[in-house]
Amino acid sequence: MEIEYDVVVAGSGAGGGFCAMRLCQRGFRVLLLERGRRYDFTKDYPLNHTDWELHRDPLQKNPLLFERAPGALISAEDHHLCTRFYGSDGTSYRSATPKHRGEMVYQRAIGVGGSTLHYEGEAHRFPEHAFRSKSLYGWGTDWPIDYHQLAPYYDQAENILGVAGKPGNPFRPEPENYPTPAHPLSYSSRVFAEQAKALGWTVWPNTLALPTRSIDGRSPCQKSGGCLNGCIFGAKSSVDQTAIKIAEATGNLTLQTDSRLIRIETDFNGEVARYIYKHGMEEKSVKAKRYVLALGALETPRLLLHSKSASHPDGLGNQYDNVGRYFNETISAIMELRGSQIQQTYKGPPLDNRIWEPSVPKHPLKTGYSIGIAGVISSLVGPLSYARLIPGIGLKHKQTMREQFGRVLQIFGIAEHIPDRRNRVTLGTSADADGVPYLRLFSDYNELDKMALHAMIRDVERLSELPQMGRKVTLNSTLDRPGAAHVGGTCRFGDDPETSVTEASGRIHGMINQYIADGSLLPCLGPGDSPSLTIQA
């Protein structure tokens, strides 16, 4: 088989898209394999239609399915970290105490641009201390690179994305200036900022890959709040609108959609010989000089573990049983409130605010977290979703709609998950239609994680008691309702092959031609940070 490409990259999300872009800019011929399709923002997303709430979101129809496995036990003293409900009189109660953590829901999108198609544009630099958690706090592992080595690449990524931000935040690492000015806080965030002052906290504009002015001919952000369903203005700096277009402009990129990588074959030396992928219903193969996996922190270890051979009997890169281990998920606590005096919570960027003071670990906490509010990550977003839940008919229904529409918000805390070798993904005993085994996932929280959850629950409850915040409806945490937008750590990089999967460059230890370029490399996910900008840098 003739080698047509210098590099094959599998996956076009935050890591794969930026990797392909830089390789193409350097003159390499790149084949980019993407399992999904390419979306046209002018017609493919629900918000292009006036009855958008009745349209199924194409970005949400491909959940990652796990083979059912025993869940992690919850000890009796942890019941108050689980879902709590509130009566109309403010009384708190639980309907039941679970014996096991629930089954995880992993939020992802399949298509050119990966999960940046439906992310809310958060673009966070990890703080300096996140790179040295072992040295500073005694948990996790120190990264093989530090913040200052990565800072110039943060700069480059921010400029490509047109990140909007406000300099001067003492709790965050920042460039001298951001490519575009920060979004003014939405009405609900401004009211929240005034309320939070009573607790001594400052609400800062979030740093967002939602440019406030045009940087490359695209529309600036229109503040419609529809990021999660795909940006119908082409304004959000998802990878398809940024890195992929830059790569295509070089003439060095071949983008092949509807192409799912299903197996990696190696030669007698143990190096990658070819990628086997499914294009439509046909199985194909491709050879290159170098190969890059960028399928995300769940699919990448899945392919490595699945691709066994005589030279790799336990899967690629798994000679020390590290592939799939140190799984990191999102730890969060979310309070939903209704009937607040804050109105029009659906307006503005979805996640335009943050309280960063708790992001720096302080004794006895050894992890950090951030806090914010949002009005559009609730199930109550558009008018139809409200109307369906409001009882009554006729004038009474209309009046209640006027009183409640746009007055649902959520206060949330989000923290990093302590890396633990026991938390891992493995292959299941059954396979999907393409012959790729399902994943089994084990993920639990240690005492440091639970301490962070306690602190976040305490803080969201304090904020919920402030005037104008509304009536408490539910308080839940990911302890018994697991759901992760951010995952990482399953193929972490490091200097020691006995405790990591790849070198600092992303090349798998002991291999010449197989690299990884996605969130699975990251030893931790930062204190409440979105990892996409760090992956891209």
Protein backbone atom coordinates (compact mmCIF):
# COMPACT_ATOMS: atom_id res chain seq x y z
CA MET A 1 0.00 0.00 0.00
CA GLU A 2 1.44 3.36 -1.03
CA ILE A 3 1.90 6.01 1.67
CA GLU A 4 -0.17 9.00 0.60
CA TYR A 5 0.07 11.08 3.76
CA ASP A 6 2.70 12.28 6.16
CA VAL A 7 0.29 12.11 9.09
CA VAL A 8 -3.14 10.61 9.74
CA VAL A 9 -5.10 12.33 12.53
CA ALA A 10 -8.19 10.59 13.91
CA GLY A 11 -10.67 13.01 15.46
CA SER A 12 -11.35 16.66 14.58
CA GLY A 13 -12.16 18.16 17.98
CA ALA A 14 -10.15 20.52 20.16
CA GLY A 15 -6.98 18.43 19.94
CA GLY A 16 -7.23 16.82 16.51
CA GLY A 17 -8.37 19.96 14.72
CA PHE A 18 -5.57 22.11 16.12
CA CYS A 19 -2.99 19.36 15.58
CA ALA A 20 -4.01 19.01 11.92
CA MET A 21 -3.94 22.79 11.49
CA ARG A 22 -0.38 23.18 12.77
CA LEU A 23 0.91 20.18 10.78
CA CYS A 24 -0.63 21.57 7.59
CA GLN A 25 0.89 24.98 8.27
CA ARG A 26 4.29 23.28 8.55
CA GLY A 27 3.86 21.68 5.12
CA PHE A 28 2.81 18.15 6.08
CA ARG A 29 0.20 16.27 4.05
CA VAL A 30 -2.52 15.37 6.54
CA LEU A 31 -5.53 13.07 6.38
CA LEU A 32 -8.08 13.99 9.04
CA LEU A 33 -10.59 11.22 9.80
CA GLU A 34 -13.86 12.30 11.40
CA ARG A 35 -16.56 9.87 12.46
CA GLY A 36 -19.40 12.36 12.04
CA ARG A 37 -20.54 14.80 9.41
CA ARG A 38 -19.82 18.42 8.64
CA TYR A 39 -22.55 20.79 9.82
CA ASP A 40 -23.78 23.89 8.02
CA PHE A 41 -24.52 26.41 10.74
CA THR A 42 -26.97 28.28 8.50
CA LYS A 43 -29.45 25.41 8.33
CA ASP A 44 -28.51 22.33 10.38
CA TYR A 45 -29.01 23.54 13.96
CA PRO A 46 -32.41 23.68 15.72
CA LEU A 47 -32.30 27.42 16.42
CA ASN A 48 -32.55 28.08 12.68
CA HIS A 49 -36.24 27.22 13.07
CA THR A 50 -38.92 29.17 14.93
CA ASP A 51 -40.21 25.91 16.43
CA TRP A 52 -36.70 24.95 17.50
CA GLU A 53 -37.84 23.30 20.73
CA LEU A 54 -39.60 20.62 18.69
CA HIS A 55 -36.49 19.83 16.63
CA ARG A 56 -34.12 17.14 17.81
CA ASP A 57 -30.63 18.52 18.24
CA PRO A 58 -28.30 16.58 15.89
CA LEU A 59 -25.37 17.30 18.22
CA GLN A 60 -27.01 15.40 21.09
CA LYS A 61 -28.02 12.16 19.37
CA ASN A 62 -24.81 10.15 19.76
CA PRO A 63 -24.31 9.33 23.44
CA LEU A 64 -21.34 7.20 24.43
CA LEU A 65 -22.77 3.95 25.75
CA PHE A 66 -21.07 2.06 28.58
CA GLU A 67 -21.42 -1.61 29.34
CA ARG A 68 -23.12 -1.76 32.72
CA ALA A 69 -20.74 -2.46 35.57
CA PRO A 70 -21.08 -2.34 39.37
CA GLY A 71 -21.13 1.28 40.56
CA ALA A 72 -18.97 2.83 43.22
CA LEU A 73 -20.44 2.52 46.70
CA ILE A 74 -21.60 5.58 48.59
CA SER A 75 -21.05 5.47 52.32
CA ALA A 76 -23.95 6.39 54.58
CA GLU A 77 -22.42 9.67 55.74
CA ASP A 78 -22.39 10.95 52.15
CA HIS A 79 -26.15 11.04 51.70
CA HIS A 80 -26.29 14.81 52.18
CA LEU A 81 -24.06 15.28 49.11
CA CYS A 82 -26.73 13.70 46.90
CA THR A 83 -29.84 15.13 45.29
CA ARG A 84 -32.01 17.22 47.57
CA PHE A 85 -35.49 18.57 46.85
CA TYR A 86 -37.24 21.60 48.34
CA GLY A 87 -40.91 22.07 49.13
CA SER A 88 -42.77 25.33 48.56
CA ASP A 89 -42.10 26.24 52.20
CA GLY A 90 -38.36 25.79 51.71
CA THR A 91 -38.24 22.45 53.52
CA SER A 92 -35.44 20.22 52.31
CA TYR A 93 -35.99 16.50 51.82
CA ARG A 94 -34.73 13.48 49.87
CA SER A 95 -36.98 10.98 48.17
CA ALA A 96 -34.46 8.16 48.63
CA THR A 97 -30.81 7.57 49.41
CA PRO A 98 -29.07 5.65 46.64
CA LYS A 99 -26.77 2.75 47.43
CA HIS A 100 -24.69 3.28 44.30
CA ARG A 101 -23.62 6.11 42.08
CA GLY A 102 -25.82 6.39 39.04
CA GLU A 103 -24.71 5.60 35.51
CA MET A 104 -22.64 8.39 33.99
CA VAL A 105 -23.97 10.53 31.14
CA TYR A 106 -21.09 11.81 29.01
CA GLN A 107 -21.89 14.89 26.96
CA ARG A 108 -20.24 14.86 23.56
CA ALA A 109 -20.90 15.82 19.95
CA ILE A 110 -19.86 13.87 16.87
CA GLY A 111 -18.99 15.90 13.79
CA VAL A 112 -16.30 18.12 12.32
CA GLY A 113 -15.25 20.20 15.32
CA GLY A 114 -16.06 17.53 17.90
CA SER A 115 -17.53 18.67 21.18
CA THR A 116 -16.57 22.29 20.49
CA LEU A 117 -19.70 22.25 18.32
CA HIS A 118 -21.87 22.33 21.43
CA TYR A 119 -19.59 23.79 24.10
CA GLU A 120 -20.35 27.21 25.52
CA GLY A 121 -17.01 28.65 24.46
CA GLU A 122 -15.24 28.64 27.82
CA ALA A 123 -11.52 29.26 27.18
CA HIS A 124 -9.54 28.88 30.40
CA ARG A 125 -5.83 28.83 31.02
CA PHE A 126 -4.92 26.36 33.73
CA PRO A 127 -3.28 28.23 36.64
CA GLU A 128 0.39 27.68 37.47
CA HIS A 129 -0.38 25.58 40.54
CA ALA A 130 -2.38 23.06 38.45
CA PHE A 131 0.87 21.95 36.81
CA ARG A 132 2.54 21.21 40.17
CA SER A 133 -0.16 19.64 42.36
CA LYS A 134 2.13 16.89 43.68
CA SER A 135 4.88 19.29 44.73
CA LEU A 136 2.52 21.90 46.18
CA TYR A 137 -0.34 19.87 47.68
CA GLY A 138 0.74 16.25 47.76
CA TRP A 139 -1.83 14.78 45.36
CA GLY A 140 -1.82 13.78 41.70
CA THR A 141 1.37 14.21 39.70
CA ASP A 142 3.44 17.11 38.41
CA TRP A 143 3.19 17.71 34.67
CA PRO A 144 6.21 17.12 32.41
CA ILE A 145 5.79 20.76 31.28
CA ASP A 146 5.00 23.86 33.30
CA TYR A 147 2.75 26.86 32.78
CA HIS A 148 5.51 29.11 31.45
CA GLN A 149 6.41 26.60 28.74
CA LEU A 150 2.79 26.47 27.63
CA ALA A 151 2.05 30.22 27.93
CA PRO A 152 3.23 31.21 24.38
CA TYR A 153 0.95 28.53 22.93
CA TYR A 154 -1.97 29.74 25.04
CA ASP A 155 -1.35 33.12 23.39
CA GLN A 156 -1.48 31.60 19.91
CA ALA A 157 -4.61 29.57 20.60
CA GLU A 158 -6.41 32.58 22.10
CA ASN A 159 -5.62 34.67 19.04
CA ILE A 160 -6.90 32.00 16.65
CA LEU A 161 -10.12 31.74 18.69
CA GLY A 162 -10.54 35.47 19.26
CA VAL A 163 -11.01 34.87 22.99
CA ALA A 164 -12.93 37.61 24.78
CA GLY A 165 -11.75 38.50 28.27
CA LYS A 166 -11.01 41.19 30.81
CA PRO A 167 -7.43 41.48 32.11
CA GLY A 168 -6.69 42.08 35.76
CA ASN A 169 -8.21 39.06 37.48
CA PRO A 170 -5.82 38.32 40.39
CA PHE A 171 -6.98 34.70 40.62
CA ARG A 172 -6.25 33.73 37.02
CA PRO A 173 -3.17 33.48 34.76
CA GLU A 174 -3.71 35.92 31.91
CA PRO A 175 -2.14 37.38 28.79
CA GLU A 176 -1.30 41.08 28.75
CA ASN A 177 -4.48 41.57 26.79
CA TYR A 178 -7.17 39.47 25.17
CA PRO A 179 -7.78 39.39 21.40
CA THR A 180 -11.29 40.79 21.86
CA PRO A 181 -12.88 42.71 24.77
CA ALA A 182 -14.81 40.86 27.46
CA HIS A 183 -18.54 40.39 27.13
CA PRO A 184 -20.43 42.84 29.35
CA LEU A 185 -22.15 40.84 32.07
CA SER A 186 -25.72 39.92 31.20
CA TYR A 187 -28.57 41.35 33.26
CA SER A 188 -28.81 38.24 35.43
CA SER A 189 -25.04 38.16 35.97
CA ARG A 190 -24.98 41.84 36.95
CA VAL A 191 -27.67 41.25 39.59
CA PHE A 192 -25.78 38.18 40.76
CA ALA A 193 -22.55 40.20 41.00
CA GLU A 194 -24.23 42.75 43.26
CA GLN A 195 -25.63 39.98 45.44
CA ALA A 196 -22.29 38.15 45.69
CA LYS A 197 -20.60 41.25 47.11
CA ALA A 198 -22.44 40.57 50.36
CA LEU A 199 -20.33 37.42 50.72
CA GLY A 200 -17.10 39.19 49.78
CA TRP A 201 -16.86 37.66 46.32
CA THR A 202 -16.21 39.29 42.95
CA VAL A 203 -17.99 38.07 39.83
CA TRP A 204 -15.69 38.31 36.80
CA PRO A 205 -16.57 38.11 33.11
CA ASN A 206 -15.72 34.60 31.93
CA THR A 207 -13.04 34.17 29.26
CA LEU A 208 -14.91 32.91 26.20
CA ALA A 209 -14.10 31.80 22.65
CA LEU A 210 -17.06 33.93 21.58
CA PRO A 211 -15.38 36.93 19.91
CA THR A 212 -16.99 40.30 20.70
CA ARG A 213 -15.75 41.66 17.38
CA SER A 214 -15.01 39.98 14.07
CA ILE A 215 -11.48 38.61 13.92
CA ASP A 216 -11.52 36.61 10.68
CA GLY A 217 -14.57 37.80 8.77
CA ARG A 218 -17.04 35.85 10.90
CA SER A 219 -19.90 37.46 12.77
CA PRO A 220 -19.12 38.51 16.34
CA CYS A 221 -21.12 36.81 19.08
CA GLN A 222 -24.80 37.76 18.99
CA LYS A 223 -25.39 36.86 22.68
CA SER A 224 -28.35 34.63 21.82
CA GLY A 225 -27.51 32.03 24.47
CA GLY A 226 -27.82 29.18 21.97
CA CYS A 227 -24.24 27.87 22.09
CA LEU A 228 -25.21 24.42 23.38
CA ASN A 229 -27.37 23.76 20.31
CA GLY A 230 -24.79 24.95 17.78
CA CYS A 231 -24.14 28.56 16.83
CA ILE A 232 -26.46 29.58 13.99
CA PHE A 233 -24.40 32.74 13.35
CA GLY A 234 -21.06 30.98 12.87
CA ALA A 235 -19.74 33.29 15.57
CA LYS A 236 -18.64 30.76 18.17
CA SER A 237 -15.01 29.78 17.64
CA SER A 238 -15.62 26.06 17.39
CA VAL A 239 -12.85 24.08 15.71
CA ASP A 240 -14.74 23.74 12.42
CA GLN A 241 -14.94 27.54 12.12
CA THR A 242 -11.29 28.15 13.08
CA ALA A 243 -8.55 25.50 12.93
CA ILE A 244 -10.16 23.37 10.20
CA LYS A 245 -10.61 26.36 7.87
CA ILE A 246 -7.02 27.45 8.46
CA ALA A 247 -5.79 23.94 7.68
CA GLU A 248 -7.89 23.72 4.51
CA ALA A 249 -6.51 27.05 3.30
CA THR A 250 -3.01 25.54 3.19
CA GLY A 251 -4.03 22.96 0.60
CA ASN A 252 -2.41 20.23 2.70
CA LEU A 253 -5.52 18.86 4.43
CA THR A 254 -7.70 16.01 3.27
CA LEU A 255 -10.80 15.88 5.48
CA GLN A 256 -12.76 12.64 5.34
CA THR A 257 -16.07 12.56 7.21
CA ASP A 258 -18.26 9.55 8.03
CA SER A 259 -15.01 7.71 8.81
CA ARG A 260 -14.71 5.92 12.14
CA LEU A 261 -11.38 4.50 13.26
CA ILE A 262 -12.05 0.95 14.46
CA ARG A 263 -8.61 -0.67 14.81
CA ILE A 264 -4.88 0.08 14.76
CA GLU A 265 -2.62 -2.53 13.19
CA THR A 266 1.09 -2.81 13.97
CA ASP A 267 4.04 -4.35 12.11
CA PHE A 268 6.61 -6.91 13.31
CA ASN A 269 8.58 -4.11 15.01
CA GLY A 270 5.56 -3.10 17.03
CA GLU A 271 5.13 0.22 15.19
CA VAL A 272 1.82 1.31 13.67
CA ALA A 273 1.48 -0.08 10.16
CA ARG A 274 -1.96 1.24 9.25
CA TYR A 275 -5.24 2.61 10.56
CA ILE A 276 -8.35 0.54 9.81
CA TYR A 277 -11.49 2.64 9.60
CA LYS A 278 -15.11 2.32 8.58
CA HIS A 279 -16.21 4.73 5.84
CA GLY A 280 -19.96 4.39 5.56
CA MET A 281 -20.46 0.63 5.41
CA GLU A 282 -17.05 -0.12 3.87
CA GLU A 283 -13.91 -1.06 5.84
CA LYS A 284 -10.78 0.71 4.61
CA SER A 285 -7.15 1.17 5.62
CA VAL A 286 -4.61 3.97 5.32
CA LYS A 287 -0.86 4.20 5.85
CA ALA A 288 1.19 7.23 6.87
CA LYS A 289 4.57 8.12 8.35
CA ARG A 290 3.05 9.22 11.64
CA TYR A 291 -0.32 8.70 13.35
CA VAL A 292 -2.22 10.83 15.87
CA LEU A 293 -5.13 9.74 18.06
CA ALA A 294 -7.38 12.62 19.08
CA LEU A 295 -10.65 10.86 19.85
CA GLY A 296 -11.02 12.14 23.41
CA ALA A 297 -10.29 10.72 26.84
CA LEU A 298 -12.73 7.81 26.46
CA GLU A 299 -12.48 6.77 22.81
CA THR A 300 -8.68 7.07 22.62
CA PRO A 301 -7.97 4.50 25.38
CA ARG A 302 -10.78 2.38 23.95
CA LEU A 303 -8.93 2.11 20.61
CA LEU A 304 -5.54 1.56 22.23
CA LEU A 305 -6.85 -1.27 24.44
CA HIS A 306 -8.74 -2.79 21.52
CA SER A 307 -5.68 -2.80 19.20
CA LYS A 308 -3.86 -5.83 20.60
CA SER A 309 -1.12 -7.66 18.73
CA ALA A 310 1.77 -10.04 19.37
CA SER A 311 4.03 -7.10 20.22
CA HIS A 312 1.29 -5.33 22.21
CA PRO A 313 -0.67 -8.14 23.90
CA ASP A 314 -2.39 -5.76 26.35
CA GLY A 315 -3.03 -2.98 23.84
CA LEU A 316 -0.90 -0.15 22.45
CA GLY A 317 1.07 1.77 25.05
CA ASN A 318 -0.18 -0.46 27.84
CA GLN A 319 2.95 -2.33 28.85
CA TYR A 320 2.64 -0.89 32.38
CA ASP A 321 -1.17 -1.10 32.59
CA ASN A 322 -1.62 2.67 32.46
CA VAL A 323 -3.97 3.06 29.48
CA GLY A 324 -7.42 3.98 30.76
CA ARG A 325 -6.28 4.72 34.31
CA TYR A 326 -6.38 8.01 36.24
CA PHE A 327 -9.74 8.84 34.70
CA ASN A 328 -10.89 12.37 35.56
CA GLU A 329 -14.49 13.55 35.40
CA THR A 330 -16.34 16.72 36.28
CA ILE A 331 -17.24 17.23 39.94
CA SER A 332 -20.08 19.66 40.43
CA ALA A 333 -22.93 20.81 42.65
CA ILE A 334 -25.92 22.55 41.09
CA MET A 335 -28.77 24.42 42.78
CA GLU A 336 -31.84 25.20 40.68
CA LEU A 337 -34.00 28.17 41.65
CA ARG A 338 -37.25 29.39 40.16
CA GLY A 339 -39.33 32.53 40.39
CA SER A 340 -36.33 34.72 41.07
CA GLN A 341 -36.44 38.49 40.75
CA ILE A 342 -33.70 38.08 38.18
CA GLN A 343 -35.37 38.22 34.78
CA GLN A 344 -34.40 37.28 31.23
CA THR A 345 -32.00 34.57 32.37
CA TYR A 346 -31.97 33.19 28.81
CA LYS A 347 -30.21 36.28 27.43
CA GLY A 348 -26.48 36.65 26.91
CA PRO A 349 -23.67 34.08 26.62
CA PRO A 350 -24.64 30.97 28.62
CA LEU A 351 -21.65 31.03 30.99
CA ASP A 352 -20.57 34.66 31.03
CA ASN A 353 -19.60 34.86 34.71
CA ARG A 354 -17.38 33.20 37.30
CA ILE A 355 -16.33 33.59 40.91
CA TRP A 356 -12.67 32.52 40.98
CA GLU A 357 -11.67 33.16 44.61
CA PRO A 358 -12.04 29.45 45.60
CA SER A 359 -9.91 28.26 42.67
CA VAL A 360 -6.71 28.48 44.71
CA PRO A 361 -6.52 25.56 47.20
CA LYS A 362 -6.59 26.64 50.84
CA HIS A 363 -6.15 24.45 53.89
CA PRO A 364 -7.83 22.07 54.55
CA LEU A 365 -9.00 21.96 50.92
CA LYS A 366 -6.37 20.62 48.56
CA THR A 367 -8.31 21.27 45.37
CA GLY A 368 -9.82 24.42 43.94
CA TYR A 369 -13.17 25.16 42.33
CA SER A 370 -15.12 27.98 40.74
CA ILE A 371 -18.71 29.18 41.08
CA GLY A 372 -21.15 30.75 38.66
CA ILE A 373 -24.78 31.08 37.61
CA ALA A 374 -26.46 30.19 34.36
CA GLY A 375 -29.97 30.44 33.02
CA VAL A 376 -29.66 28.33 29.90
CA ILE A 377 -28.14 25.04 31.06
CA SER A 378 -31.43 24.17 32.75
CA SER A 379 -34.06 22.10 30.97
CA LEU A 380 -36.18 25.27 31.06
CA VAL A 381 -34.81 27.40 28.24
CA GLY A 382 -37.35 28.39 25.61
CA PRO A 383 -41.03 29.35 25.97
CA LEU A 384 -42.34 25.91 25.02
CA SER A 385 -40.32 24.16 27.74
CA TYR A 386 -41.86 26.53 30.32
CA ALA A 387 -45.36 26.21 28.91
CA ARG A 388 -45.27 22.42 29.10
CA LEU A 389 -44.45 22.45 32.82
CA ILE A 390 -46.79 25.21 33.94
CA PRO A 391 -50.19 23.85 35.04
CA GLY A 392 -53.51 25.32 33.99
CA ILE A 393 -55.05 26.61 30.79
CA GLY A 394 -56.23 29.87 29.32
CA LEU A 395 -55.70 33.19 31.10
CA LYS A 396 -54.29 31.58 34.25
CA HIS A 397 -51.66 29.77 32.20
CA LYS A 398 -50.74 32.97 30.35
CA GLN A 399 -50.41 34.92 33.56
CA THR A 400 -48.19 32.25 35.13
CA MET A 401 -46.04 32.22 31.99
CA ARG A 402 -45.58 35.99 32.28
CA GLU A 403 -44.58 35.59 35.92
CA GLN A 404 -42.15 32.69 35.47
CA PHE A 405 -40.66 32.84 31.99
CA GLY A 406 -36.98 33.73 32.14
CA ARG A 407 -36.83 33.41 35.93
CA VAL A 408 -35.20 30.01 36.28
CA LEU A 409 -31.50 29.94 37.03
CA GLN A 410 -28.86 27.61 38.37
CA ILE A 411 -26.04 28.30 40.77
CA PHE A 412 -23.22 25.83 40.24
CA GLY A 413 -19.83 24.94 41.61
CA ILE A 414 -17.35 22.95 39.54
CA ALA A 415 -14.12 21.34 40.75
CA GLU A 416 -11.36 19.09 39.56
CA HIS A 417 -11.38 15.37 40.26
CA ILE A 418 -8.37 14.01 42.15
CA PRO A 419 -6.43 11.64 39.82
CA ASP A 420 -6.62 8.11 41.19
CA ARG A 421 -5.16 5.01 39.56
CA ARG A 422 -8.25 3.02 40.56
CA ASN A 423 -10.52 5.25 38.47
CA ARG A 424 -10.36 3.81 35.00
CA VAL A 425 -11.99 2.71 31.77
CA THR A 426 -11.60 -0.85 30.55
CA LEU A 427 -13.05 -2.88 27.70
CA GLY A 428 -16.36 -4.61 28.23
CA THR A 429 -17.28 -8.13 27.21
CA SER A 430 -19.59 -7.11 24.36
CA ALA A 431 -18.99 -5.02 21.24
CA ASP A 432 -20.88 -2.51 19.10
CA ALA A 433 -21.94 -2.97 15.48
CA ASP A 434 -18.42 -2.13 14.24
CA GLY A 435 -16.80 -4.75 16.46
CA VAL A 436 -15.31 -2.25 18.91
CA PRO A 437 -15.82 -3.39 22.53
CA TYR A 438 -17.95 -1.21 24.76
CA LEU A 439 -16.29 0.58 27.63
CA ARG A 440 -16.66 -0.17 31.30
CA LEU A 441 -16.13 2.76 33.60
CA PHE A 442 -15.25 2.85 37.28
CA SER A 443 -15.06 6.28 38.88
CA ASP A 444 -15.33 7.13 42.55
CA TYR A 445 -14.59 10.09 44.80
CA ASN A 446 -12.01 10.07 47.56
CA GLU A 447 -12.12 12.14 50.75
CA LEU A 448 -10.50 15.17 49.08
CA ASP A 449 -13.16 15.08 46.34
CA LYS A 450 -15.94 14.90 48.93
CA MET A 451 -14.38 17.76 50.86
CA ALA A 452 -14.54 19.90 47.69
CA LEU A 453 -18.16 18.84 47.16
CA HIS A 454 -19.01 19.86 50.72
CA ALA A 455 -17.43 23.26 50.14
CA MET A 456 -19.25 23.83 46.84
CA ILE A 457 -22.60 22.80 48.31
CA ARG A 458 -22.04 25.16 51.23
CA ASP A 459 -21.26 28.03 48.85
CA VAL A 460 -24.16 27.50 46.43
CA GLU A 461 -26.53 27.31 49.41
CA ARG A 462 -25.13 30.56 50.82
CA LEU A 463 -25.64 32.23 47.46
CA SER A 464 -29.16 30.83 47.11
CA GLU A 465 -30.14 32.52 50.39
CA LEU A 466 -29.36 35.99 49.05
CA PRO A 467 -32.27 38.32 48.19
CA GLN A 468 -33.67 38.14 44.64
CA MET A 469 -32.34 34.63 44.01
CA GLY A 470 -35.74 32.88 44.06
CA ARG A 471 -37.18 29.66 45.45
CA LYS A 472 -34.92 26.62 45.77
CA VAL A 473 -36.17 23.62 43.79
CA THR A 474 -33.34 21.06 43.74
CA LEU A 475 -29.75 20.70 44.79
CA ASN A 476 -27.81 17.86 43.26
CA SER A 477 -24.20 16.83 42.94
CA THR A 478 -22.35 14.48 40.67
CA LEU A 479 -21.86 12.07 43.55
CA ASP A 480 -25.09 10.26 42.69
CA ARG A 481 -25.97 11.92 39.37
CA PRO A 482 -22.72 11.58 37.40
CA GLY A 483 -22.54 13.69 34.28
CA ALA A 484 -19.34 14.98 32.73
CA ALA A 485 -18.77 17.57 30.05
CA HIS A 486 -15.02 17.39 30.76
CA VAL A 487 -13.05 14.16 31.04
CA GLY A 488 -9.34 13.47 30.88
CA GLY A 489 -6.32 11.68 32.27
CA THR A 490 -6.71 8.23 30.71
CA CYS A 491 -3.46 8.39 28.67
CA ARG A 492 -1.60 10.98 30.66
CA PHE A 493 1.80 12.26 29.59
CA GLY A 494 4.91 12.20 31.75
CA ASP A 495 8.61 11.48 31.91
CA ASP A 496 8.33 8.01 33.50
CA PRO A 497 6.90 5.25 31.25
CA GLU A 498 5.95 3.24 34.33
CA THR A 499 3.46 5.92 35.45
CA SER A 500 2.40 7.53 32.16
CA VAL A 501 1.41 6.54 28.62
CA THR A 502 3.17 9.18 26.51
CA GLU A 503 6.16 11.47 26.54
CA ALA A 504 5.71 15.23 26.94
CA SER A 505 5.44 15.44 23.13
CA GLY A 506 2.40 13.15 23.16
CA ARG A 507 4.31 10.27 21.57
CA ILE A 508 3.55 6.92 23.20
CA HIS A 509 6.48 5.64 25.26
CA GLY A 510 8.53 3.11 23.31
CA MET A 511 6.90 3.84 19.94
CA ILE A 512 8.23 5.94 17.07
CA ASN A 513 5.13 6.81 15.07
CA GLN A 514 2.04 6.89 17.35
CA TYR A 515 1.04 10.12 19.09
CA ILE A 516 -1.93 11.32 21.17
CA ALA A 517 -3.32 14.86 21.06
CA ASP A 518 -6.45 15.17 23.20
CA GLY A 519 -7.66 15.54 26.78
CA SER A 520 -6.51 12.05 27.73
CA LEU A 521 -2.97 13.48 28.02
CA LEU A 522 -3.86 15.90 30.81
CA PRO A 523 -2.86 14.68 34.32
CA CYS A 524 -5.59 16.91 35.80
CA LEU A 525 -8.35 19.17 34.52
CA GLY A 526 -7.66 22.36 36.46
CA PRO A 527 -9.71 23.85 39.31
CA GLY A 528 -13.11 24.15 37.68
CA ASP A 529 -11.62 25.00 34.29
CA SER A 530 -12.69 23.97 30.83
CA PRO A 531 -9.79 21.95 29.35
CA SER A 532 -10.34 22.81 25.66
CA LEU A 533 -7.92 25.77 25.50
CA THR A 534 -5.20 23.75 27.25
CA ILE A 535 -5.72 20.87 24.81
CA GLN A 536 -5.48 23.31 21.89
CA ALA A 537 -2.36 24.98 23.31
